[in-house]
Every structure is written in structure tokens, then in C-alpha cells.
PDB file of N, CA and C in Angstrom:
ATOM      1  N   MET A   1      18.292  48.551  24.836  1.00  0.00           N
ATOM      2  CA  MET A   1      17.234  47.658  24.402  1.00  0.00           C
ATOM      3  C   MET A   1      17.842  46.319  23.984  1.00  0.00           C
ATOM      4  N   GLU A   2      17.286  45.269  24.468  1.00  0.00           N
ATOM      5  CA  GLU A   2      17.774  43.927  24.161  1.00  0.00           C
ATOM      6  C   GLU A   2      17.246  43.476  22.804  1.00  0.00           C
ATOM      7  N   THR A   3      18.116  42.863  21.999  1.00  0.00           N
ATOM      8  CA  THR A   3      17.687  42.347  20.700  1.00  0.00           C
ATOM      9  C   THR A   3      17.610  40.830  20.756  1.00  0.00           C
ATOM     10  N   TYR A   4      16.725  40.293  19.971  1.00  0.00           N
ATOM     11  CA  TYR A   4      16.510  38.851  19.932  1.00  0.00           C
ATOM     12  C   TYR A   4      16.701  38.341  18.515  1.00  0.00           C
ATOM     13  N   LYS A   5      17.151  37.105  18.422  1.00  0.00           N
ATOM     14  CA  LYS A   5      17.270  36.469  17.117  1.00  0.00           C
ATOM     15  C   LYS A   5      15.894  35.986  16.663  1.00  0.00           C
ATOM     16  N   PRO A   6      15.661  35.948  15.346  1.00  0.00           N
ATOM     17  CA  PRO A   6      14.439  35.302  14.858  1.00  0.00           C
ATOM     18  C   PRO A   6      14.498  33.802  15.180  1.00  0.00           C
ATOM     19  N   ILE A   7      13.353  33.198  15.300  1.00  0.00           N
ATOM     20  CA  ILE A   7      13.277  31.759  15.581  1.00  0.00           C
ATOM     21  C   ILE A   7      12.827  31.046  14.315  1.00  0.00           C
ATOM     22  N   PHE A   8      13.628  30.092  13.873  1.00  0.00           N
ATOM     23  CA  PHE A   8      13.356  29.301  12.679  1.00  0.00           C
ATOM     24  C   PHE A   8      12.974  27.904  13.138  1.00  0.00           C
ATOM     25  N   ILE A   9      11.764  27.465  12.801  1.00  0.00           N
ATOM     26  CA  ILE A   9      11.292  26.142  13.211  1.00  0.00           C
ATOM     27  C   ILE A   9      11.071  25.289  11.969  1.00  0.00           C
ATOM     28  N   LEU A  10      11.733  24.144  11.936  1.00  0.00           N
ATOM     29  CA  LEU A  10      11.540  23.168  10.861  1.00  0.00           C
ATOM     30  C   LEU A  10      10.768  21.991  11.428  1.00  0.00           C
ATOM     31  N   PHE A  11       9.559  21.795  10.934  1.00  0.00           N
ATOM     32  CA  PHE A  11       8.782  20.606  11.271  1.00  0.00           C
ATOM     33  C   PHE A  11       9.169  19.557  10.237  1.00  0.00           C
ATOM     34  N   LEU A  12       9.956  18.580  10.644  1.00  0.00           N
ATOM     35  CA  LEU A  12      10.558  17.607   9.736  1.00  0.00           C
ATOM     36  C   LEU A  12       9.765  16.304   9.742  1.00  0.00           C
ATOM     37  N   CYS A  13       9.222  15.940   8.594  1.00  0.00           N
ATOM     38  CA  CYS A  13       8.438  14.712   8.490  1.00  0.00           C
ATOM     39  C   CYS A  13       9.346  13.489   8.586  1.00  0.00           C
ATOM     40  N   ILE A  14       9.065  12.648   9.558  1.00  0.00           N
ATOM     41  CA  ILE A  14       9.844  11.419   9.726  1.00  0.00           C
ATOM     42  C   ILE A  14       8.941  10.183   9.614  1.00  0.00           C
ATOM     43  N   LYS A  15       7.791  10.368   9.019  1.00  0.00           N
ATOM     44  CA  LYS A  15       6.832   9.275   8.870  1.00  0.00           C
ATOM     45  C   LYS A  15       7.463   8.139   8.070  1.00  0.00           C
ATOM     46  N   ASN A  16       7.292   6.924   8.539  1.00  0.00           N
ATOM     47  CA  ASN A  16       7.797   5.707   7.891  1.00  0.00           C
ATOM     48  C   ASN A  16       9.322   5.643   7.819  1.00  0.00           C
ATOM     49  N   ILE A  17      10.003   6.347   8.694  1.00  0.00           N
ATOM     50  CA  ILE A  17      11.467   6.301   8.757  1.00  0.00           C
ATOM     51  C   ILE A  17      11.835   5.627  10.080  1.00  0.00           C
ATOM     52  N   PRO A  18      12.748   4.663  10.064  1.00  0.00           N
ATOM     53  CA  PRO A  18      13.144   3.994  11.310  1.00  0.00           C
ATOM     54  C   PRO A  18      13.650   5.001  12.352  1.00  0.00           C
ATOM     55  N   ASP A  19      13.379   4.713  13.631  1.00  0.00           N
ATOM     56  CA  ASP A  19      13.745   5.633  14.715  1.00  0.00           C
ATOM     57  C   ASP A  19      15.221   6.014  14.699  1.00  0.00           C
ATOM     58  N   SER A  20      16.088   5.043  14.507  1.00  0.00           N
ATOM     59  CA  SER A  20      17.527   5.329  14.551  1.00  0.00           C
ATOM     60  C   SER A  20      17.934   6.306  13.440  1.00  0.00           C
ATOM     61  N   TYR A  21      17.327   6.170  12.275  1.00  0.00           N
ATOM     62  CA  TYR A  21      17.655   7.067  11.172  1.00  0.00           C
ATOM     63  C   TYR A  21      16.995   8.432  11.341  1.00  0.00           C
ATOM     64  N   SER A  22      15.778   8.452  11.887  1.00  0.00           N
ATOM     65  CA  SER A  22      15.070   9.729  12.049  1.00  0.00           C
ATOM     66  C   SER A  22      15.780  10.639  13.044  1.00  0.00           C
ATOM     67  N   ILE A  23      16.386  10.067  14.081  1.00  0.00           N
ATOM     68  CA  ILE A  23      17.147  10.871  15.042  1.00  0.00           C
ATOM     69  C   ILE A  23      18.357  11.496  14.355  1.00  0.00           C
ATOM     70  N   GLN A  24      19.075  10.702  13.584  1.00  0.00           N
ATOM     71  CA  GLN A  24      20.237  11.225  12.865  1.00  0.00           C
ATOM     72  C   GLN A  24      19.824  12.262  11.827  1.00  0.00           C
ATOM     73  N   MET A  25      18.704  12.023  11.157  1.00  0.00           N
ATOM     74  CA  MET A  25      18.202  12.956  10.160  1.00  0.00           C
ATOM     75  C   MET A  25      17.869  14.308  10.803  1.00  0.00           C
ATOM     76  N   SER A  26      17.264  14.285  11.986  1.00  0.00           N
ATOM     77  CA  SER A  26      16.936  15.520  12.716  1.00  0.00           C
ATOM     78  C   SER A  26      18.202  16.268  13.118  1.00  0.00           C
ATOM     79  N   LYS A  27      19.199  15.526  13.600  1.00  0.00           N
ATOM     80  CA  LYS A  27      20.471  16.153  13.977  1.00  0.00           C
ATOM     81  C   LYS A  27      21.174  16.760  12.765  1.00  0.00           C
ATOM     82  N   ASP A  28      21.156  16.038  11.650  1.00  0.00           N
ATOM     83  CA  ASP A  28      21.779  16.551  10.422  1.00  0.00           C
ATOM     84  C   ASP A  28      21.085  17.825   9.945  1.00  0.00           C
ATOM     85  N   ALA A  29      19.756  17.851  10.013  1.00  0.00           N
ATOM     86  CA  ALA A  29      19.001  19.039   9.603  1.00  0.00           C
ATOM     87  C   ALA A  29      19.345  20.221  10.507  1.00  0.00           C
ATOM     88  N   LEU A  30      19.449  19.975  11.803  1.00  0.00           N
ATOM     89  CA  LEU A  30      19.797  21.035  12.745  1.00  0.00           C
ATOM     90  C   LEU A  30      21.198  21.579  12.464  1.00  0.00           C
ATOM     91  N   ASN A  31      22.159  20.687  12.255  1.00  0.00           N
ATOM     92  CA  ASN A  31      23.529  21.118  11.950  1.00  0.00           C
ATOM     93  C   ASN A  31      23.583  21.916  10.653  1.00  0.00           C
ATOM     94  N   TYR A  32      22.876  21.457   9.639  1.00  0.00           N
ATOM     95  CA  TYR A  32      22.842  22.145   8.351  1.00  0.00           C
ATOM     96  C   TYR A  32      22.265  23.550   8.507  1.00  0.00           C
ATOM     97  N   LEU A  33      21.142  23.644   9.198  1.00  0.00           N
ATOM     98  CA  LEU A  33      20.494  24.942   9.371  1.00  0.00           C
ATOM     99  C   LEU A  33      21.322  25.883  10.227  1.00  0.00           C
ATOM    100  N   ASN A  34      21.982  25.362  11.259  1.00  0.00           N
ATOM    101  CA  ASN A  34      22.845  26.204  12.087  1.00  0.00           C
ATOM    102  C   ASN A  34      23.980  26.803  11.260  1.00  0.00           C
ATOM    103  N   ASP A  35      24.512  26.037  10.312  1.00  0.00           N
ATOM    104  CA  ASP A  35      25.567  26.550   9.438  1.00  0.00           C
ATOM    105  C   ASP A  35      25.034  27.601   8.464  1.00  0.00           C
ATOM    106  N   LYS A  36      23.856  27.375   7.918  1.00  0.00           N
ATOM    107  CA  LYS A  36      23.298  28.255   6.885  1.00  0.00           C
ATOM    108  C   LYS A  36      22.598  29.486   7.442  1.00  0.00           C
ATOM    109  N   LEU A  37      22.089  29.396   8.658  1.00  0.00           N
ATOM    110  CA  LEU A  37      21.332  30.500   9.254  1.00  0.00           C
ATOM    111  C   LEU A  37      21.897  30.856  10.632  1.00  0.00           C
ATOM    112  N   PRO A  38      23.131  31.380  10.676  1.00  0.00           N
ATOM    113  CA  PRO A  38      23.772  31.631  11.975  1.00  0.00           C
ATOM    114  C   PRO A  38      23.082  32.718  12.803  1.00  0.00           C
ATOM    115  N   ASN A  39      22.278  33.562  12.190  1.00  0.00           N
ATOM    116  CA  ASN A  39      21.619  34.647  12.925  1.00  0.00           C
ATOM    117  C   ASN A  39      20.223  34.278  13.416  1.00  0.00           C
ATOM    118  N   TYR A  40      19.907  32.978  13.400  1.00  0.00           N
ATOM    119  CA  TYR A  40      18.605  32.499  13.843  1.00  0.00           C
ATOM    120  C   TYR A  40      18.761  31.496  14.968  1.00  0.00           C
ATOM    121  N   ASP A  41      17.783  31.451  15.864  1.00  0.00           N
ATOM    122  CA  ASP A  41      17.663  30.333  16.798  1.00  0.00           C
ATOM    123  C   ASP A  41      16.885  29.261  16.043  1.00  0.00           C
ATOM    124  N   ILE A  42      17.421  28.034  16.015  1.00  0.00           N
ATOM    125  CA  ILE A  42      16.861  26.963  15.188  1.00  0.00           C
ATOM    126  C   ILE A  42      16.218  25.889  16.069  1.00  0.00           C
ATOM    127  N   LEU A  43      15.049  25.450  15.667  1.00  0.00           N
ATOM    128  CA  LEU A  43      14.392  24.290  16.276  1.00  0.00           C
ATOM    129  C   LEU A  43      14.026  23.313  15.167  1.00  0.00           C
ATOM    130  N   VAL A  44      14.326  22.049  15.373  1.00  0.00           N
ATOM    131  CA  VAL A  44      13.889  20.995  14.449  1.00  0.00           C
ATOM    132  C   VAL A  44      12.943  20.100  15.240  1.00  0.00           C
ATOM    133  N   ILE A  45      11.715  20.006  14.767  1.00  0.00           N
ATOM    134  CA  ILE A  45      10.699  19.223  15.460  1.00  0.00           C
ATOM    135  C   ILE A  45      10.257  18.080  14.554  1.00  0.00           C
ATOM    136  N   PRO A  46      10.599  16.829  14.923  1.00  0.00           N
ATOM    137  CA  PRO A  46      10.144  15.680  14.128  1.00  0.00           C
ATOM    138  C   PRO A  46       8.623  15.545  14.222  1.00  0.00           C
ATOM    139  N   THR A  47       8.019  15.213  13.094  1.00  0.00           N
ATOM    140  CA  THR A  47       6.561  15.079  13.045  1.00  0.00           C
ATOM    141  C   THR A  47       6.180  13.996  12.037  1.00  0.00           C
ATOM    142  N   ASN A  48       4.991  13.457  12.174  1.00  0.00           N
ATOM    143  CA  ASN A  48       4.478  12.501  11.197  1.00  0.00           C
ATOM    144  C   ASN A  48       3.629  13.187  10.131  1.00  0.00           C
ATOM    145  N   ASP A  49       3.554  14.499  10.202  1.00  0.00           N
ATOM    146  CA  ASP A  49       2.819  15.293   9.223  1.00  0.00           C
ATOM    147  C   ASP A  49       3.811  15.773   8.165  1.00  0.00           C
ATOM    148  N   GLU A  50       3.398  16.693   7.296  1.00  0.00           N
ATOM    149  CA  GLU A  50       4.268  17.184   6.234  1.00  0.00           C
ATOM    150  C   GLU A  50       5.412  18.044   6.779  1.00  0.00           C
ATOM    151  N   THR A  51       6.489  18.126   6.015  1.00  0.00           N
ATOM    152  CA  THR A  51       7.598  18.995   6.365  1.00  0.00           C
ATOM    153  C   THR A  51       7.202  20.432   6.061  1.00  0.00           C
ATOM    154  N   LYS A  52       7.390  21.308   7.034  1.00  0.00           N
ATOM    155  CA  LYS A  52       7.076  22.715   6.830  1.00  0.00           C
ATOM    156  C   LYS A  52       7.960  23.575   7.719  1.00  0.00           C
ATOM    157  N   VAL A  53       7.958  24.867   7.423  1.00  0.00           N
ATOM    158  CA  VAL A  53       8.804  25.826   8.125  1.00  0.00           C
ATOM    159  C   VAL A  53       7.935  26.942   8.681  1.00  0.00           C
ATOM    160  N   GLN A  54       8.270  27.382   9.885  1.00  0.00           N
ATOM    161  CA  GLN A  54       7.672  28.588  10.438  1.00  0.00           C
ATOM    162  C   GLN A  54       8.806  29.452  10.963  1.00  0.00           C
ATOM    163  N   VAL A  55       8.694  30.752  10.747  1.00  0.00           N
ATOM    164  CA  VAL A  55       9.702  31.689  11.222  1.00  0.00           C
ATOM    165  C   VAL A  55       9.002  32.756  12.047  1.00  0.00           C
ATOM    166  N   PHE A  56       9.544  33.003  13.224  1.00  0.00           N
ATOM    167  CA  PHE A  56       9.007  34.035  14.100  1.00  0.00           C
ATOM    168  C   PHE A  56      10.067  35.113  14.261  1.00  0.00           C
ATOM    169  N   TYR A  57       9.706  36.331  13.875  1.00  0.00           N
ATOM    170  CA  TYR A  57      10.641  37.452  13.938  1.00  0.00           C
ATOM    171  C   TYR A  57      10.345  38.309  15.163  1.00  0.00           C
ATOM    172  N   PRO A  58      11.395  38.869  15.767  1.00  0.00           N
ATOM    173  CA  PRO A  58      11.164  39.797  16.867  1.00  0.00           C
ATOM    174  C   PRO A  58      10.523  41.086  16.358  1.00  0.00           C
ATOM    175  N   SER A  59       9.909  41.801  17.241  1.00  0.00           N
ATOM    176  CA  SER A  59       9.266  43.063  16.885  1.00  0.00           C
ATOM    177  C   SER A  59      10.270  44.014  16.245  1.00  0.00           C
ATOM    178  N   GLY A  60       9.845  44.675  15.165  1.00  0.00           N
ATOM    179  CA  GLY A  60      10.709  45.651  14.505  1.00  0.00           C
ATOM    180  C   GLY A  60      11.498  45.099  13.338  1.00  0.00           C
ATOM    181  N   THR A  61      11.346  43.821  13.029  1.00  0.00           N
ATOM    182  CA  THR A  61      12.066  43.218  11.908  1.00  0.00           C
ATOM    183  C   THR A  61      11.458  43.716  10.597  1.00  0.00           C
ATOM    184  N   THR A  62      12.313  44.000   9.629  1.00  0.00           N
ATOM    185  CA  THR A  62      11.814  44.527   8.360  1.00  0.00           C
ATOM    186  C   THR A  62      11.312  43.413   7.455  1.00  0.00           C
ATOM    187  N   HIS A  63      10.422  43.769   6.560  1.00  0.00           N
ATOM    188  CA  HIS A  63       9.862  42.819   5.600  1.00  0.00           C
ATOM    189  C   HIS A  63      10.959  42.291   4.665  1.00  0.00           C
ATOM    190  N   GLU A  64      11.965  43.135   4.386  1.00  0.00           N
ATOM    191  CA  GLU A  64      13.046  42.742   3.479  1.00  0.00           C
ATOM    192  C   GLU A  64      13.810  41.524   4.011  1.00  0.00           C
ATOM    193  N   GLU A  65      14.043  41.470   5.320  1.00  0.00           N
ATOM    194  CA  GLU A  65      14.754  40.328   5.895  1.00  0.00           C
ATOM    195  C   GLU A  65      13.964  39.040   5.690  1.00  0.00           C
ATOM    196  N   TYR A  66      12.653  39.110   5.845  1.00  0.00           N
ATOM    197  CA  TYR A  66      11.798  37.948   5.658  1.00  0.00           C
ATOM    198  C   TYR A  66      11.815  37.499   4.195  1.00  0.00           C
ATOM    199  N   THR A  67      11.749  38.438   3.270  1.00  0.00           N
ATOM    200  CA  THR A  67      11.775  38.131   1.843  1.00  0.00           C
ATOM    201  C   THR A  67      13.092  37.469   1.457  1.00  0.00           C
ATOM    202  N   ASN A  68      14.195  37.958   2.000  1.00  0.00           N
ATOM    203  CA  ASN A  68      15.503  37.359   1.720  1.00  0.00           C
ATOM    204  C   ASN A  68      15.573  35.920   2.221  1.00  0.00           C
ATOM    205  N   LEU A  69      14.997  35.658   3.395  1.00  0.00           N
ATOM    206  CA  LEU A  69      14.993  34.298   3.936  1.00  0.00           C
ATOM    207  C   LEU A  69      14.198  33.365   3.033  1.00  0.00           C
ATOM    208  N   LEU A  70      13.023  33.792   2.578  1.00  0.00           N
ATOM    209  CA  LEU A  70      12.203  32.950   1.704  1.00  0.00           C
ATOM    210  C   LEU A  70      12.930  32.655   0.396  1.00  0.00           C
ATOM    211  N   ALA A  71      13.613  33.649  -0.155  1.00  0.00           N
ATOM    212  CA  ALA A  71      14.353  33.443  -1.403  1.00  0.00           C
ATOM    213  C   ALA A  71      15.466  32.429  -1.208  1.00  0.00           C
ATOM    214  N   GLU A  72      16.186  32.521  -0.102  1.00  0.00           N
ATOM    215  CA  GLU A  72      17.270  31.579   0.179  1.00  0.00           C
ATOM    216  C   GLU A  72      16.728  30.165   0.374  1.00  0.00           C
ATOM    217  N   LEU A  73      15.622  30.035   1.090  1.00  0.00           N
ATOM    218  CA  LEU A  73      15.018  28.711   1.298  1.00  0.00           C
ATOM    219  C   LEU A  73      14.523  28.120  -0.017  1.00  0.00           C
ATOM    220  N   ALA A  74      13.969  28.952  -0.871  1.00  0.00           N
ATOM    221  CA  ALA A  74      13.490  28.466  -2.172  1.00  0.00           C
ATOM    222  C   ALA A  74      14.646  27.912  -2.986  1.00  0.00           C
ATOM    223  N   LYS A  75      15.799  28.578  -2.957  1.00  0.00           N
ATOM    224  CA  LYS A  75      16.973  28.077  -3.683  1.00  0.00           C
ATOM    225  C   LYS A  75      17.421  26.737  -3.112  1.00  0.00           C
ATOM    226  N   LYS A  76      17.474  26.626  -1.794  1.00  0.00           N
ATOM    227  CA  LYS A  76      17.942  25.393  -1.154  1.00  0.00           C
ATOM    228  C   LYS A  76      16.995  24.232  -1.431  1.00  0.00           C
ATOM    229  N   THR A  77      15.696  24.482  -1.340  1.00  0.00           N
ATOM    230  CA  THR A  77      14.747  23.391  -1.534  1.00  0.00           C
ATOM    231  C   THR A  77      14.681  22.965  -2.993  1.00  0.00           C
ATOM    232  N   ALA A  78      14.856  23.894  -3.914  1.00  0.00           N
ATOM    233  CA  ALA A  78      14.864  23.537  -5.338  1.00  0.00           C
ATOM    234  C   ALA A  78      16.079  22.673  -5.640  1.00  0.00           C
ATOM    235  N   TYR A  79      17.207  23.004  -5.038  1.00  0.00           N
ATOM    236  CA  TYR A  79      18.435  22.251  -5.263  1.00  0.00           C
ATOM    237  C   TYR A  79      18.323  20.840  -4.691  1.00  0.00           C
ATOM    238  N   LYS A  80      17.732  20.714  -3.540  1.00  0.00           N
ATOM    239  CA  LYS A  80      17.619  19.425  -2.859  1.00  0.00           C
ATOM    240  C   LYS A  80      16.351  18.672  -3.235  1.00  0.00           C
ATOM    241  N   ASN A  81      15.482  19.293  -4.041  1.00  0.00           N
ATOM    242  CA  ASN A  81      14.202  18.698  -4.431  1.00  0.00           C
ATOM    243  C   ASN A  81      13.356  18.347  -3.212  1.00  0.00           C
ATOM    244  N   ILE A  82      13.295  19.277  -2.286  1.00  0.00           N
ATOM    245  CA  ILE A  82      12.503  19.114  -1.069  1.00  0.00           C
ATOM    246  C   ILE A  82      11.346  20.092  -1.152  1.00  0.00           C
ATOM    247  N   GLN A  83      10.168  19.672  -0.766  1.00  0.00           N
ATOM    248  CA  GLN A  83       9.024  20.570  -0.766  1.00  0.00           C
ATOM    249  C   GLN A  83       8.804  21.090   0.644  1.00  0.00           C
ATOM    250  N   ILE A  84       8.698  22.401   0.767  1.00  0.00           N
ATOM    251  CA  ILE A  84       8.438  23.020   2.053  1.00  0.00           C
ATOM    252  C   ILE A  84       7.229  23.927   1.901  1.00  0.00           C
ATOM    253  N   LYS A  85       6.279  23.804   2.799  1.00  0.00           N
ATOM    254  CA  LYS A  85       5.080  24.629   2.769  1.00  0.00           C
ATOM    255  C   LYS A  85       5.323  25.838   3.668  1.00  0.00           C
ATOM    256  N   PHE A  86       5.101  27.026   3.143  1.00  0.00           N
ATOM    257  CA  PHE A  86       5.257  28.242   3.912  1.00  0.00           C
ATOM    258  C   PHE A  86       3.893  28.670   4.425  1.00  0.00           C
ATOM    259  N   ASP A  87       3.722  28.671   5.733  1.00  0.00           N
ATOM    260  CA  ASP A  87       2.477  29.131   6.334  1.00  0.00           C
ATOM    261  C   ASP A  87       2.582  30.621   6.596  1.00  0.00           C
ATOM    262  N   SER A  88       1.513  31.331   6.333  1.00  0.00           N
ATOM    263  CA  SER A  88       1.542  32.771   6.603  1.00  0.00           C
ATOM    264  C   SER A  88       0.920  33.054   7.954  1.00  0.00           C
TER     265      SER A  88
END
């Protein structure tokens, strides 16, 4: 049976940020997330809406893994003073 990585999507708000800086900001976010979440496929999608995260887990993933991810993200966002909306 083939296993798949969970997909982590960061919708990154770049509203009112110059294009040259927003591209670098997206790349930096991708590099940061790749280092912190090596067991996930990461997508960073620039948007003019709010910054938010969506995670898609493959079939059979336990609830505990999802809870651990939310706890880790809460620690990171509190440290960086970034607000992230978790959609259910």
C-alpha cells in the first residue's frame, strides 16, 4: 500500500506588500515550513485575503497527529505574533 504525506497549505496574505518583497516573503515561508515540517508536502499560496492554514491528511491518519500539528503551530504563531485562522 502506498503512503502519502499530508499536505500543508499556507495562504499567505501579501496585501499592500511590494511585489519584489512578497515573492521573497513567500520563498522564506516555504523554506521555513520545509525545515519545520519535513513530513509534509508544503504549498505557499500568496493571497490578498487573510493568512490562514489548511491541512489535508491522507486516509487513515490519526486525530493525535492533527492535534500535535495544531499545538506546534500555536507555539510558532504565538512566538512570532502571527495570527492564523484554522478552518475546520
